[in-house]
Amino acid sequence: MLKLSKKMLFAIEAVVDIAYNAAGEPVQSRDITARQGIPKRYLEQTLQQLVRADILTGVRGPRGGYRLARERRRITLADIVSVIRSMETSDDPIEDPAGSPLGKEVVRPLWRELQDTMMQQLEHITVEDLCNRARDAGLRSGIEESPDFII
């Protein structure tokens, strides 16, 4: 079942935070935790899954952290949601073989259609779209705060 879980919300926020604050340097998980209030126990596991799914790239070392694996206009919310859905192990009542004929033949197919429609819409919303919304909302980004040295 497609629902907005804490883990899914945190994953979306973390990816957008990385895209919005990446000023050319990797974004460290402690900075994401400080800015977004995401508990570290959720964040590290989620970031690693996003690295495995080629949404993020991990950078090792003392100035390491995470950066986007591809351009932010090429990462959709559907990409992120798919990774988190695969991580969540809760039982989906739609897949339960038990149930009434009305549930199996009418309600569950309708729910699947609604989920498919939502995922199709999420495929059209990019991380760049969310960064633009953050900018339009007046949220400061790390990119703005980084000094610009032009010689």
Protein backbone atom coordinates (compact mmCIF):
# COMPACT_ATOMS: atom_id res chain seq x y z
CA MET A 1 0.00 0.00 0.00
CA LEU A 2 1.32 3.42 -0.88
CA LYS A 3 1.30 5.60 2.19
CA LEU A 4 3.54 8.37 3.39
CA SER A 5 5.58 6.75 6.14
CA LYS A 6 8.16 8.54 8.28
CA LYS A 7 10.92 6.72 6.44
CA MET A 8 9.57 7.84 3.06
CA LEU A 9 9.17 11.42 4.22
CA PHE A 10 12.70 11.41 5.67
CA ALA A 11 14.15 9.97 2.46
CA ILE A 12 12.52 12.64 0.31
CA GLU A 13 13.63 15.38 2.72
CA ALA A 14 17.19 14.03 2.80
CA VAL A 15 17.54 13.88 -0.99
CA VAL A 16 16.11 17.37 -1.40
CA ASP A 17 18.37 18.62 1.40
CA ILE A 18 21.40 17.22 -0.40
CA ALA A 19 20.31 18.76 -3.70
CA TYR A 20 19.49 22.10 -2.10
CA ASN A 21 22.57 22.41 0.10
CA ALA A 22 25.30 20.71 -1.93
CA ALA A 23 27.41 23.81 -2.78
CA GLY A 24 29.91 21.63 -4.68
CA GLU A 25 30.85 19.61 -1.60
CA PRO A 26 29.32 16.37 -0.32
CA VAL A 27 26.63 16.89 2.31
CA GLN A 28 27.33 15.13 5.59
CA SER A 29 24.58 13.15 7.29
CA ARG A 30 25.06 15.06 10.55
CA ASP A 31 24.25 18.29 8.68
CA ILE A 32 21.08 16.75 7.26
CA THR A 33 20.13 15.58 10.75
CA ALA A 34 20.72 19.06 12.16
CA ARG A 35 18.77 20.86 9.43
CA GLN A 36 15.87 18.44 9.02
CA GLY A 37 15.61 16.84 12.44
CA ILE A 38 15.78 13.37 10.93
CA PRO A 39 16.85 10.77 13.50
CA LYS A 40 20.26 9.35 12.66
CA ARG A 41 18.99 5.75 12.93
CA TYR A 42 16.59 6.35 10.03
CA LEU A 43 18.91 8.49 8.02
CA GLU A 44 22.01 6.31 7.62
CA GLN A 45 20.09 3.20 6.58
CA THR A 46 17.98 5.22 4.16
CA LEU A 47 20.97 7.02 2.64
CA GLN A 48 22.74 3.70 2.04
CA GLN A 49 19.68 2.32 0.23
CA LEU A 50 19.54 5.45 -1.91
CA VAL A 51 23.22 4.96 -2.77
CA ARG A 52 22.54 1.35 -3.80
CA ALA A 53 19.70 2.59 -6.01
CA ASP A 54 22.01 5.12 -7.74
CA ILE A 55 20.06 8.10 -6.48
CA LEU A 56 22.93 9.21 -4.24
CA THR A 57 26.68 8.73 -4.28
CA GLY A 58 28.62 8.25 -1.07
CA VAL A 59 31.92 10.08 -0.73
CA ARG A 60 34.41 8.70 1.79
CA GLY A 61 36.88 10.63 3.87
CA PRO A 62 36.90 13.37 6.48
CA ARG A 63 35.08 15.79 4.15
CA GLY A 64 32.92 13.04 2.74
CA GLY A 65 29.20 12.72 2.72
CA TYR A 66 26.57 12.33 0.04
CA ARG A 67 25.82 13.95 -3.27
CA LEU A 68 23.30 13.26 -5.99
CA ALA A 69 24.25 10.45 -8.37
CA ARG A 70 22.65 12.30 -11.28
CA GLU A 71 21.25 15.72 -12.02
CA ARG A 72 18.44 16.76 -9.72
CA ARG A 73 16.13 17.22 -12.71
CA ARG A 74 16.64 13.52 -13.48
CA ILE A 75 15.63 12.20 -10.06
CA THR A 76 11.90 11.86 -9.52
CA LEU A 77 9.88 11.36 -6.39
CA ALA A 78 8.83 8.02 -7.86
CA ASP A 79 12.51 6.96 -7.83
CA ILE A 80 12.81 7.74 -4.12
CA VAL A 81 9.41 6.31 -3.19
CA SER A 82 10.19 3.04 -5.00
CA VAL A 83 13.39 2.57 -2.97
CA ILE A 84 11.65 3.19 0.33
CA ARG A 85 8.66 1.00 -0.54
CA SER A 86 11.07 -1.87 -1.17
CA MET A 87 12.65 -1.27 2.26
CA GLU A 88 9.38 -1.27 4.16
CA THR A 89 8.28 -4.74 5.09
CA SER A 90 4.75 -4.06 6.28
CA ASP A 91 2.11 -6.35 4.90
CA ASP A 92 0.08 -4.87 2.10
CA PRO A 93 -3.58 -5.71 2.67
CA ILE A 94 -4.18 -5.44 -1.08
CA GLU A 95 -2.01 -8.54 -1.58
CA ASP A 96 -3.72 -10.58 1.15
CA PRO A 97 -5.35 -13.60 -0.52
CA ALA A 98 -8.13 -13.63 2.08
CA GLY A 99 -11.06 -11.29 1.72
CA SER A 100 -14.53 -10.89 0.40
CA PRO A 101 -15.41 -11.08 -3.28
CA LEU A 102 -16.37 -7.39 -3.17
CA GLY A 103 -12.97 -6.51 -1.73
CA LYS A 104 -11.05 -8.70 -4.17
CA GLU A 105 -13.00 -7.74 -7.30
CA VAL A 106 -13.88 -4.08 -6.67
CA VAL A 107 -12.11 -2.34 -3.79
CA ARG A 108 -8.59 -3.76 -4.19
CA PRO A 109 -8.41 -3.21 -7.97
CA LEU A 110 -9.58 0.37 -7.44
CA TRP A 111 -6.89 0.87 -4.80
CA ARG A 112 -4.23 -0.52 -7.16
CA GLU A 113 -5.39 1.92 -9.86
CA LEU A 114 -5.14 4.82 -7.41
CA GLN A 115 -1.64 3.76 -6.39
CA ASP A 116 -0.59 3.47 -10.02
CA THR A 117 -1.98 6.93 -10.73
CA MET A 118 -0.11 8.39 -7.78
CA MET A 119 3.18 6.78 -8.87
CA GLN A 120 2.66 8.14 -12.39
CA GLN A 121 2.23 11.63 -10.94
CA LEU A 122 5.33 11.19 -8.78
CA GLU A 123 7.29 10.34 -11.95
CA HIS A 124 6.65 13.91 -13.12
CA ILE A 125 7.87 15.63 -9.94
CA THR A 126 11.63 15.99 -9.77
CA VAL A 127 14.01 16.87 -7.00
CA GLU A 128 14.66 20.07 -8.93
CA ASP A 129 10.95 20.92 -8.70
CA LEU A 130 11.12 20.56 -4.91
CA CYS A 131 14.30 22.65 -4.73
CA ASN A 132 12.50 25.36 -6.71
CA ARG A 133 9.60 25.20 -4.26
CA ALA A 134 12.04 25.55 -1.36
CA ARG A 135 13.62 28.58 -3.02
CA ASP A 136 10.20 30.10 -3.73
CA ALA A 137 9.25 29.54 -0.08
CA GLY A 138 12.29 31.60 0.92
CA LEU A 139 14.28 28.77 2.47
CA ARG A 140 18.01 29.45 2.57
CA SER A 141 20.28 26.91 0.94
CA GLY A 142 23.88 25.97 1.56
CA ILE A 143 24.61 26.99 -2.00
CA GLU A 144 23.67 30.58 -1.20
CA GLU A 145 25.72 30.54 2.00
CA SER A 146 28.92 29.29 0.42
CA PRO A 147 31.38 32.01 -0.50
CA ASP A 148 31.94 32.63 -4.17
CA PHE A 149 35.61 33.23 -4.94
CA ILE A 150 36.05 34.68 -8.39
CA ILE A 151 39.48 35.88 -9.44
